[in-house]
PDB file of N, CA and C in Angstrom:
ATOM      1  N   MET A   1       3.937  23.582   5.137  1.00  0.00           N
ATOM      2  CA  MET A   1       4.804  22.410   5.196  1.00  0.00           C
ATOM      3  C   MET A   1       3.924  21.124   4.845  1.00  0.00           C
ATOM      4  N   ILE A   2       4.217  20.406   4.029  1.00  0.00           N
ATOM      5  CA  ILE A   2       3.480  18.977   4.046  1.00  0.00           C
ATOM      6  C   ILE A   2       4.018  18.044   5.394  1.00  0.00           C
ATOM      7  N   GLU A   3       2.892  17.529   6.083  1.00  0.00           N
ATOM      8  CA  GLU A   3       3.494  16.607   7.099  1.00  0.00           C
ATOM      9  C   GLU A   3       3.797  15.424   6.681  1.00  0.00           C
ATOM     10  N   PRO A   4       5.027  14.744   6.926  1.00  0.00           N
ATOM     11  CA  PRO A   4       5.550  13.438   6.433  1.00  0.00           C
ATOM     12  C   PRO A   4       4.608  12.294   6.794  1.00  0.00           C
ATOM     13  N   ASP A   5       4.402  11.354   6.081  1.00  0.00           N
ATOM     14  CA  ASP A   5       3.554  10.477   6.257  1.00  0.00           C
ATOM     15  C   ASP A   5       4.409   8.858   6.347  1.00  0.00           C
ATOM     16  N   LEU A   6       3.980   7.971   6.559  1.00  0.00           N
ATOM     17  CA  LEU A   6       4.584   6.565   6.658  1.00  0.00           C
ATOM     18  C   LEU A   6       4.758   6.355   5.360  1.00  0.00           C
ATOM     19  N   PHE A   7       6.392   5.791   5.060  1.00  0.00           N
ATOM     20  CA  PHE A   7       6.937   5.478   3.630  1.00  0.00           C
ATOM     21  C   PHE A   7       6.929   6.976   2.609  1.00  0.00           C
ATOM     22  N   ASP A   8       6.571   7.809   2.796  1.00  0.00           N
ATOM     23  CA  ASP A   8       6.866   8.963   1.984  1.00  0.00           C
ATOM     24  C   ASP A   8       8.539   9.253   1.918  1.00  0.00           C
ATOM     25  N   VAL A   9       8.974   9.852   1.034  1.00  0.00           N
ATOM     26  CA  VAL A   9      10.352   9.889   0.550  1.00  0.00           C
ATOM     27  C   VAL A   9      10.723  11.400   1.045  1.00  0.00           C
ATOM     28  N   VAL A  10      11.509  11.682   1.838  1.00  0.00           N
ATOM     29  CA  VAL A  10      11.625  12.945   2.533  1.00  0.00           C
ATOM     30  C   VAL A  10      13.265  13.391   1.859  1.00  0.00           C
ATOM     31  N   GLU A  11      13.399  14.629   2.070  1.00  0.00           N
ATOM     32  CA  GLU A  11      14.864  15.432   1.774  1.00  0.00           C
ATOM     33  C   GLU A  11      15.299  15.965   2.806  1.00  0.00           C
ATOM     34  N   LEU A  12      16.767  16.178   3.548  1.00  0.00           N
ATOM     35  CA  LEU A  12      17.027  16.419   4.589  1.00  0.00           C
ATOM     36  C   LEU A  12      17.373  18.123   4.210  1.00  0.00           C
ATOM     37  N   LEU A  13      16.662  19.037   4.957  1.00  0.00           N
ATOM     38  CA  LEU A  13      17.353  20.415   4.890  1.00  0.00           C
ATOM     39  C   LEU A  13      18.546  20.670   5.670  1.00  0.00           C
ATOM     40  N   VAL A  14      18.924  19.893   6.361  1.00  0.00           N
ATOM     41  CA  VAL A  14      20.301  20.408   7.417  1.00  0.00           C
ATOM     42  C   VAL A  14      21.099  19.186   7.315  1.00  0.00           C
ATOM     43  N   ASP A  15      22.163  19.181   7.490  1.00  0.00           N
ATOM     44  CA  ASP A  15      23.115  18.178   7.738  1.00  0.00           C
ATOM     45  C   ASP A  15      23.030  17.581   9.122  1.00  0.00           C
ATOM     46  N   VAL A  16      23.125  16.013   9.311  1.00  0.00           N
ATOM     47  CA  VAL A  16      23.257  15.726  10.476  1.00  0.00           C
ATOM     48  C   VAL A  16      24.751  14.659  10.311  1.00  0.00           C
ATOM     49  N   PRO A  17      25.414  15.632  10.799  1.00  0.00           N
ATOM     50  CA  PRO A  17      26.756  14.955  10.921  1.00  0.00           C
ATOM     51  C   PRO A  17      27.144  13.728  11.825  1.00  0.00           C
ATOM     52  N   LYS A  18      26.446  13.535  12.793  1.00  0.00           N
ATOM     53  CA  LYS A  18      26.688  12.112  13.395  1.00  0.00           C
ATOM     54  C   LYS A  18      26.215  10.930  12.668  1.00  0.00           C
ATOM     55  N   SER A  19      25.330  10.816  11.809  1.00  0.00           N
ATOM     56  CA  SER A  19      25.051  10.024  10.871  1.00  0.00           C
ATOM     57  C   SER A  19      25.656  10.009   9.562  1.00  0.00           C
ATOM     58  N   ASN A  20      26.743  11.205   9.288  1.00  0.00           N
ATOM     59  CA  ASN A  20      27.057  11.137   7.945  1.00  0.00           C
ATOM     60  C   ASN A  20      26.198  11.811   6.792  1.00  0.00           C
ATOM     61  N   LEU A  21      25.539  12.536   7.157  1.00  0.00           N
ATOM     62  CA  LEU A  21      24.031  12.769   6.262  1.00  0.00           C
ATOM     63  C   LEU A  21      24.588  14.152   5.831  1.00  0.00           C
ATOM     64  N   LYS A  22      23.959  14.504   4.847  1.00  0.00           N
ATOM     65  CA  LYS A  22      24.133  16.050   4.371  1.00  0.00           C
ATOM     66  C   LYS A  22      22.841  16.609   3.936  1.00  0.00           C
ATOM     67  N   ALA A  23      22.438  17.922   3.994  1.00  0.00           N
ATOM     68  CA  ALA A  23      21.509  18.484   3.316  1.00  0.00           C
ATOM     69  C   ALA A  23      21.424  17.815   2.162  1.00  0.00           C
ATOM     70  N   GLY A  24      20.072  17.650   1.690  1.00  0.00           N
ATOM     71  CA  GLY A  24      19.559  16.975   0.279  1.00  0.00           C
ATOM     72  C   GLY A  24      19.778  15.694   0.172  1.00  0.00           C
ATOM     73  N   ASP A  25      20.220  14.756   0.944  1.00  0.00           N
ATOM     74  CA  ASP A  25      20.263  13.299   1.058  1.00  0.00           C
ATOM     75  C   ASP A  25      18.875  13.060   1.414  1.00  0.00           C
ATOM     76  N   ARG A  26      18.449  11.770   0.689  1.00  0.00           N
ATOM     77  CA  ARG A  26      17.000  11.603   0.572  1.00  0.00           C
ATOM     78  C   ARG A  26      16.805  10.093   1.290  1.00  0.00           C
ATOM     79  N   GLY A  27      15.428   9.866   2.078  1.00  0.00           N
ATOM     80  CA  GLY A  27      15.436   8.877   3.073  1.00  0.00           C
ATOM     81  C   GLY A  27      13.906   8.636   3.036  1.00  0.00           C
ATOM     82  N   ALA A  28      13.301   7.395   3.533  1.00  0.00           N
ATOM     83  CA  ALA A  28      12.112   7.010   3.698  1.00  0.00           C
ATOM     84  C   ALA A  28      11.736   7.040   5.207  1.00  0.00           C
ATOM     85  N   VAL A  29      10.266   7.641   5.279  1.00  0.00           N
ATOM     86  CA  VAL A  29       9.755   7.501   6.545  1.00  0.00           C
ATOM     87  C   VAL A  29       9.383   6.194   7.061  1.00  0.00           C
ATOM     88  N   VAL A  30       9.993   5.357   8.012  1.00  0.00           N
ATOM     89  CA  VAL A  30       9.709   3.892   8.357  1.00  0.00           C
ATOM     90  C   VAL A  30       8.952   4.048   9.355  1.00  0.00           C
ATOM     91  N   GLU A  31       8.784   5.053  10.542  1.00  0.00           N
ATOM     92  CA  GLU A  31       8.050   4.652  11.529  1.00  0.00           C
ATOM     93  C   GLU A  31       7.616   6.406  11.885  1.00  0.00           C
ATOM     94  N   LYS A  32       6.469   6.634  12.225  1.00  0.00           N
ATOM     95  CA  LYS A  32       5.801   8.024  12.799  1.00  0.00           C
ATOM     96  C   LYS A  32       5.392   8.007  14.074  1.00  0.00           C
ATOM     97  N   TYR A  33       6.227   8.748  14.809  1.00  0.00           N
ATOM     98  CA  TYR A  33       5.845   8.692  16.195  1.00  0.00           C
ATOM     99  C   TYR A  33       4.950   9.544  16.543  1.00  0.00           C
ATOM    100  N   ASN A  34       4.944  10.844  15.850  1.00  0.00           N
ATOM    101  CA  ASN A  34       3.651  11.890  16.166  1.00  0.00           C
ATOM    102  C   ASN A  34       3.743  12.660  14.876  1.00  0.00           C
ATOM    103  N   ASP A  35       3.033  13.834  14.823  1.00  0.00           N
ATOM    104  CA  ASP A  35       2.814  14.667  13.515  1.00  0.00           C
ATOM    105  C   ASP A  35       4.320  15.334  13.350  1.00  0.00           C
ATOM    106  N   ARG A  36       4.811  15.473  14.110  1.00  0.00           N
ATOM    107  CA  ARG A  36       6.455  16.102  13.885  1.00  0.00           C
ATOM    108  C   ARG A  36       7.550  15.278  14.127  1.00  0.00           C
ATOM    109  N   VAL A  37       7.711  14.170  14.349  1.00  0.00           N
ATOM    110  CA  VAL A  37       8.571  13.267  14.464  1.00  0.00           C
ATOM    111  C   VAL A  37       8.771  12.056  14.038  1.00  0.00           C
ATOM    112  N   CYS A  38       9.543  11.569  12.963  1.00  0.00           N
ATOM    113  CA  CYS A  38       9.620  10.372  12.332  1.00  0.00           C
ATOM    114  C   CYS A  38      10.863   9.899  12.371  1.00  0.00           C
ATOM    115  N   GLU A  39      10.865   8.433  12.135  1.00  0.00           N
ATOM    116  CA  GLU A  39      12.222   7.552  11.980  1.00  0.00           C
ATOM    117  C   GLU A  39      12.340   7.701  10.310  1.00  0.00           C
ATOM    118  N   ILE A  40      13.514   7.889  10.052  1.00  0.00           N
ATOM    119  CA  ILE A  40      13.915   8.089   8.606  1.00  0.00           C
ATOM    120  C   ILE A  40      15.155   7.365   8.185  1.00  0.00           C
ATOM    121  N   GLU A  41      14.758   6.271   7.240  1.00  0.00           N
ATOM    122  CA  GLU A  41      15.770   5.260   6.739  1.00  0.00           C
ATOM    123  C   GLU A  41      16.589   5.691   5.748  1.00  0.00           C
ATOM    124  N   PHE A  42      18.012   5.832   5.418  1.00  0.00           N
ATOM    125  CA  PHE A  42      18.776   6.319   4.640  1.00  0.00           C
ATOM    126  C   PHE A  42      19.404   5.102   4.005  1.00  0.00           C
ATOM    127  N   THR A  43      19.516   4.969   2.615  1.00  0.00           N
ATOM    128  CA  THR A  43      19.912   3.765   2.062  1.00  0.00           C
ATOM    129  C   THR A  43      20.753   4.094   0.963  1.00  0.00           C
ATOM    130  N   ASN A  44      21.613   3.258   0.633  1.00  0.00           N
ATOM    131  CA  ASN A  44      22.300   3.415  -0.769  1.00  0.00           C
ATOM    132  C   ASN A  44      21.690   2.723  -2.009  1.00  0.00           C
ATOM    133  N   SER A  45      22.439   2.762  -3.043  1.00  0.00           N
ATOM    134  CA  SER A  45      21.847   2.475  -4.556  1.00  0.00           C
ATOM    135  C   SER A  45      21.178   0.901  -4.279  1.00  0.00           C
ATOM    136  N   LYS A  46      22.002   0.181  -3.417  1.00  0.00           N
ATOM    137  CA  LYS A  46      21.720  -1.200  -3.439  1.00  0.00           C
ATOM    138  C   LYS A  46      20.581  -1.658  -2.199  1.00  0.00           C
ATOM    139  N   GLY A  47      20.011  -0.601  -1.595  1.00  0.00           N
ATOM    140  CA  GLY A  47      18.976  -0.684  -0.822  1.00  0.00           C
ATOM    141  C   GLY A  47      19.875  -1.420   0.866  1.00  0.00           C
ATOM    142  N   GLU A  48      20.982  -1.038   0.949  1.00  0.00           N
ATOM    143  CA  GLU A  48      21.355  -1.187   2.157  1.00  0.00           C
ATOM    144  C   GLU A  48      21.318  -0.248   3.013  1.00  0.00           C
ATOM    145  N   THR A  49      20.764  -0.396   4.246  1.00  0.00           N
ATOM    146  CA  THR A  49      20.864   0.943   5.370  1.00  0.00           C
ATOM    147  C   THR A  49      22.207   1.353   5.658  1.00  0.00           C
ATOM    148  N   LEU A  50      22.351   2.978   5.293  1.00  0.00           N
ATOM    149  CA  LEU A  50      23.314   3.690   5.854  1.00  0.00           C
ATOM    150  C   LEU A  50      23.199   4.442   7.008  1.00  0.00           C
ATOM    151  N   ALA A  51      22.036   4.743   7.187  1.00  0.00           N
ATOM    152  CA  ALA A  51      21.541   5.454   8.684  1.00  0.00           C
ATOM    153  C   ALA A  51      20.120   5.652   8.929  1.00  0.00           C
ATOM    154  N   LEU A  52      19.699   5.463   9.932  1.00  0.00           N
ATOM    155  CA  LEU A  52      18.528   5.100  10.828  1.00  0.00           C
ATOM    156  C   LEU A  52      18.301   6.402  11.700  1.00  0.00           C
ATOM    157  N   CYS A  53      17.579   7.579  11.660  1.00  0.00           N
ATOM    158  CA  CYS A  53      17.521   8.644  12.457  1.00  0.00           C
ATOM    159  C   CYS A  53      16.077   8.868  12.603  1.00  0.00           C
ATOM    160  N   THR A  54      16.126   9.341  13.953  1.00  0.00           N
ATOM    161  CA  THR A  54      14.745   9.978  14.603  1.00  0.00           C
ATOM    162  C   THR A  54      14.969  11.366  14.275  1.00  0.00           C
ATOM    163  N   LEU A  55      14.023  12.318  13.378  1.00  0.00           N
ATOM    164  CA  LEU A  55      13.936  13.611  13.180  1.00  0.00           C
ATOM    165  C   LEU A  55      12.682  14.337  13.108  1.00  0.00           C
ATOM    166  N   SER A  56      12.802  15.489  13.603  1.00  0.00           N
ATOM    167  CA  SER A  56      11.604  16.532  13.499  1.00  0.00           C
ATOM    168  C   SER A  56      11.296  16.853  12.221  1.00  0.00           C
ATOM    169  N   ALA A  57      10.081  17.200  11.776  1.00  0.00           N
ATOM    170  CA  ALA A  57       9.504  17.841  10.254  1.00  0.00           C
ATOM    171  C   ALA A  57      10.257  18.850   9.943  1.00  0.00           C
ATOM    172  N   GLU A  58      10.829  19.797  10.974  1.00  0.00           N
ATOM    173  CA  GLU A  58      11.409  20.549  10.383  1.00  0.00           C
ATOM    174  C   GLU A  58      12.919  20.782   9.736  1.00  0.00           C
ATOM    175  N   LYS A  59      13.378  19.589   9.929  1.00  0.00           N
ATOM    176  CA  LYS A  59      14.595  19.106   9.380  1.00  0.00           C
ATOM    177  C   LYS A  59      14.533  18.509   7.796  1.00  0.00           C
ATOM    178  N   MET A  60      13.237  18.222   7.434  1.00  0.00           N
ATOM    179  CA  MET A  60      13.298  17.542   6.105  1.00  0.00           C
ATOM    180  C   MET A  60      12.088  18.116   5.381  1.00  0.00           C
ATOM    181  N   LEU A  61      11.916  17.951   4.191  1.00  0.00           N
ATOM    182  CA  LEU A  61      11.093  18.209   3.027  1.00  0.00           C
ATOM    183  C   LEU A  61      10.448  17.139   2.585  1.00  0.00           C
ATOM    184  N   VAL A  62       9.071  16.827   2.709  1.00  0.00           N
ATOM    185  CA  VAL A  62       8.688  15.781   1.856  1.00  0.00           C
ATOM    186  C   VAL A  62       8.763  15.994   0.310  1.00  0.00           C
ATOM    187  N   ILE A  63       9.334  14.830  -0.208  1.00  0.00           N
ATOM    188  CA  ILE A  63       9.546  15.050  -1.999  1.00  0.00           C
ATOM    189  C   ILE A  63       8.627  14.325  -2.701  1.00  0.00           C
ATOM    190  N   TRP A  64       8.255  13.081  -2.073  1.00  0.00           N
ATOM    191  CA  TRP A  64       7.125  12.480  -2.555  1.00  0.00           C
ATOM    192  C   TRP A  64       6.132  11.630  -1.542  1.00  0.00           C
ATOM    193  N   GLN A  65       4.913  11.747  -1.922  1.00  0.00           N
ATOM    194  CA  GLN A  65       4.018  11.289  -1.066  1.00  0.00           C
ATOM    195  C   GLN A  65       3.389   9.793  -1.595  1.00  0.00           C
ATOM    196  N   VAL A  66       3.220   8.863  -0.651  1.00  0.00           N
ATOM    197  CA  VAL A  66       2.856   7.512  -1.029  1.00  0.00           C
ATOM    198  C   VAL A  66       1.281   7.509  -1.183  1.00  0.00           C
ATOM    199  N   LYS A  67       0.420   8.498  -0.570  1.00  0.00           N
ATOM    200  CA  LYS A  67      -0.798   8.257  -0.573  1.00  0.00           C
ATOM    201  C   LYS A  67      -1.129   8.712  -2.251  1.00  0.00           C
ATOM    202  N   THR A  68      -0.898  10.074  -2.655  1.00  0.00           N
ATOM    203  CA  THR A  68      -0.794  10.224  -4.074  1.00  0.00           C
ATOM    204  C   THR A  68       0.061   9.503  -4.966  1.00  0.00           C
ATOM    205  N   LYS A  69       1.053   8.860  -4.431  1.00  0.00           N
ATOM    206  CA  LYS A  69       1.979   8.109  -5.625  1.00  0.00           C
ATOM    207  C   LYS A  69       2.386   9.237  -6.613  1.00  0.00           C
ATOM    208  N   SER A  70       2.775  10.549  -6.096  1.00  0.00           N
ATOM    209  CA  SER A  70       3.701  11.292  -6.700  1.00  0.00           C
ATOM    210  C   SER A  70       4.493  12.193  -6.330  1.00  0.00           C
ATOM    211  N   TRP A  71       5.205  12.938  -6.776  1.00  0.00           N
ATOM    212  CA  TRP A  71       6.319  13.777  -6.576  1.00  0.00           C
ATOM    213  C   TRP A  71       5.817  15.154  -6.147  1.00  0.00           C
ATOM    214  N   ILE A  72       6.469  15.835  -5.148  1.00  0.00           N
ATOM    215  CA  ILE A  72       5.936  17.115  -4.680  1.00  0.00           C
ATOM    216  C   ILE A  72       6.257  17.799  -5.814  1.00  0.00           C
ATOM    217  N   SER A  73       5.917  19.156  -6.396  1.00  0.00           N
ATOM    218  CA  SER A  73       6.158  19.985  -7.526  1.00  0.00           C
ATOM    219  C   SER A  73       7.832  20.717  -6.750  1.00  0.00           C
ATOM    220  N   LEU A  74       8.451  21.074  -7.599  1.00  0.00           N
ATOM    221  CA  LEU A  74       9.703  22.044  -7.105  1.00  0.00           C
ATOM    222  C   LEU A  74       8.984  23.005  -6.387  1.00  0.00           C
ATOM    223  N   PHE A  75       8.130  23.819  -7.133  1.00  0.00           N
ATOM    224  CA  PHE A  75       7.377  25.102  -6.284  1.00  0.00           C
ATOM    225  C   PHE A  75       7.176  24.680  -4.870  1.00  0.00           C
ATOM    226  N   ASP A  76       6.171  23.833  -4.632  1.00  0.00           N
ATOM    227  CA  ASP A  76       5.828  23.237  -3.299  1.00  0.00           C
ATOM    228  C   ASP A  76       6.988  23.216  -2.471  1.00  0.00           C
ATOM    229  N   ARG A  77       8.179  22.350  -2.880  1.00  0.00           N
ATOM    230  CA  ARG A  77       9.080  22.015  -2.148  1.00  0.00           C
ATOM    231  C   ARG A  77       9.963  23.189  -1.610  1.00  0.00           C
ATOM    232  N   ILE A  78      10.169  24.131  -2.846  1.00  0.00           N
ATOM    233  CA  ILE A  78      10.702  25.567  -2.141  1.00  0.00           C
ATOM    234  C   ILE A  78      10.002  26.302  -1.371  1.00  0.00           C
ATOM    235  N   THR A  79       8.377  26.403  -1.429  1.00  0.00           N
ATOM    236  CA  THR A  79       7.831  27.094  -0.835  1.00  0.00           C
ATOM    237  C   THR A  79       7.441  26.185   0.787  1.00  0.00           C
ATOM    238  N   ALA A  80       7.830  25.292   0.626  1.00  0.00           N
ATOM    239  CA  ALA A  80       7.731  24.574   2.269  1.00  0.00           C
ATOM    240  C   ALA A  80       9.206  24.950   3.076  1.00  0.00           C
ATOM    241  N   ALA A  81      10.297  24.900   2.185  1.00  0.00           N
ATOM    242  CA  ALA A  81      11.167  25.261   2.691  1.00  0.00           C
ATOM    243  C   ALA A  81      11.695  26.650   3.363  1.00  0.00           C
ATOM    244  N   ILE A  82      10.825  27.599   2.364  1.00  0.00           N
ATOM    245  CA  ILE A  82      10.864  29.077   2.732  1.00  0.00           C
ATOM    246  C   ILE A  82       9.986  29.251   4.287  1.00  0.00           C
ATOM    247  N   GLU A  83       9.007  28.534   4.178  1.00  0.00           N
ATOM    248  CA  GLU A  83       8.029  28.618   5.026  1.00  0.00           C
ATOM    249  C   GLU A  83       8.416  28.395   6.456  1.00  0.00           C
ATOM    250  N   SER A  84       9.602  27.481   6.444  1.00  0.00           N
ATOM    251  CA  SER A  84      10.153  27.250   7.646  1.00  0.00           C
ATOM    252  C   SER A  84      11.100  27.823   8.190  1.00  0.00           C
ATOM    253  N   LEU A  85      11.534  28.782   7.269  1.00  0.00           N
ATOM    254  CA  LEU A  85      12.659  29.786   7.729  1.00  0.00           C
ATOM    255  C   LEU A  85      11.863  31.192   8.743  1.00  0.00           C
ATOM    256  N   SER A  86      12.825  31.626   9.364  1.00  0.00           N
ATOM    257  CA  SER A  86      12.253  32.802  10.435  1.00  0.00           C
ATOM    258  C   SER A  86      11.987  34.126   9.237  1.00  0.00           C
ATOM    259  N   GLU A  87      11.528  35.105   9.498  1.00  0.00           N
ATOM    260  CA  GLU A  87      11.076  36.437   8.767  1.00  0.00           C
ATOM    261  C   GLU A  87      12.404  36.955   8.209  1.00  0.00           C
ATOM    262  N   ASP A  88      13.447  36.934   9.001  1.00  0.00           N
ATOM    263  CA  ASP A  88      14.684  37.570   8.610  1.00  0.00           C
ATOM    264  C   ASP A  88      15.374  36.713   7.521  1.00  0.00           C
ATOM    265  N   ARG A  89      15.195  35.446   7.602  1.00  0.00           N
ATOM    266  CA  ARG A  89      15.714  34.447   6.522  1.00  0.00           C
ATOM    267  C   ARG A  89      15.051  34.522   5.225  1.00  0.00           C
ATOM    268  N   GLN A  90      13.657  34.575   5.464  1.00  0.00           N
ATOM    269  CA  GLN A  90      12.907  34.927   4.335  1.00  0.00           C
ATOM    270  C   GLN A  90      13.053  35.977   3.468  1.00  0.00           C
ATOM    271  N   GLN A  91      13.301  37.180   4.295  1.00  0.00           N
ATOM    272  CA  GLN A  91      13.632  38.207   3.683  1.00  0.00           C
ATOM    273  C   GLN A  91      15.195  38.124   2.947  1.00  0.00           C
ATOM    274  N   GLU A  92      15.950  37.343   3.345  1.00  0.00           N
ATOM    275  CA  GLU A  92      17.455  37.155   2.557  1.00  0.00           C
ATOM    276  C   GLU A  92      17.364  36.346   1.814  1.00  0.00           C
ATOM    277  N   VAL A  93      16.115  35.352   1.277  1.00  0.00           N
ATOM    278  CA  VAL A  93      15.984  34.448   0.250  1.00  0.00           C
ATOM    279  C   VAL A  93      15.026  35.416  -0.578  1.00  0.00           C
ATOM    280  N   LEU A  94      14.230  36.358  -0.334  1.00  0.00           N
ATOM    281  CA  LEU A  94      13.838  37.397  -1.124  1.00  0.00           C
ATOM    282  C   LEU A  94      14.644  38.314  -1.969  1.00  0.00           C
ATOM    283  N   THR A  95      15.785  38.690  -0.978  1.00  0.00           N
ATOM    284  CA  THR A  95      16.720  39.640  -1.729  1.00  0.00           C
ATOM    285  C   THR A  95      17.484  38.614  -2.992  1.00  0.00           C
ATOM    286  N   PHE A  96      17.743  37.560  -2.244  1.00  0.00           N
ATOM    287  CA  PHE A  96      18.567  36.777  -3.492  1.00  0.00           C
ATOM    288  C   PHE A  96      17.877  36.389  -4.683  1.00  0.00           C
ATOM    289  N   ALA A  97      16.566  36.280  -4.636  1.00  0.00           N
ATOM    290  CA  ALA A  97      15.715  36.069  -5.775  1.00  0.00           C
ATOM    291  C   ALA A  97      15.885  37.085  -6.363  1.00  0.00           C
ATOM    292  N   ARG A  98      15.603  38.268  -6.071  1.00  0.00           N
ATOM    293  CA  ARG A  98      15.816  39.707  -6.743  1.00  0.00           C
ATOM    294  C   ARG A  98      16.894  39.721  -7.387  1.00  0.00           C
ATOM    295  N   SER A  99      18.302  39.127  -6.585  1.00  0.00           N
ATOM    296  CA  SER A  99      19.587  39.511  -7.550  1.00  0.00           C
ATOM    297  C   SER A  99      19.663  38.500  -8.546  1.00  0.00           C
ATOM    298  N   LEU A 100      18.754  37.386  -8.550  1.00  0.00           N
ATOM    299  CA  LEU A 100      18.948  36.390  -9.953  1.00  0.00           C
ATOM    300  C   LEU A 100      18.556  37.218 -11.080  1.00  0.00           C
ATOM    301  N   TYR A 101      17.360  38.161 -10.862  1.00  0.00           N
ATOM    302  CA  TYR A 101      16.736  39.012 -11.903  1.00  0.00           C
ATOM    303  C   TYR A 101      17.823  39.859 -12.499  1.00  0.00           C
ATOM    304  N   LYS A 102      18.538  40.441 -11.428  1.00  0.00           N
ATOM    305  CA  LYS A 102      19.516  41.403 -12.093  1.00  0.00           C
ATOM    306  C   LYS A 102      20.763  40.807 -12.730  1.00  0.00           C
ATOM    307  N   SER A 103      20.903  39.478 -12.721  1.00  0.00           N
ATOM    308  CA  SER A 103      21.855  38.977 -13.604  1.00  0.00           C
ATOM    309  C   SER A 103      21.628  38.430 -14.758  1.00  0.00           C
ATOM    310  N   GLN A 104      20.291  38.455 -15.079  1.00  0.00           N
ATOM    311  CA  GLN A 104      19.867  38.122 -16.365  1.00  0.00           C
ATOM    312  C   GLN A 104      20.290  38.488 -17.503  1.00  0.00           C
TER     313      GLN A 104
END
């Protein structure tokens, strides 16, 4: 998993109901408290803040890195998401991936 850094863009892996955020919503790291906890700002298309949340790195994926000024590849994002799952859940993902081949 890529550790989030200040001003990186992240995508939620989980819903955050108290802030009305859904998995897949994107925000920017605006404060980094340690390697595992960050303050994330979620905005609308006008740049107005919708939510400001303190989240652990396990609840998000880095999708754009400020230090490289580049988007993280889809492969690397999928890998990071799978790595954060338990062994049983990883097996479920593998089983699902196999089912995709059967349906081709």
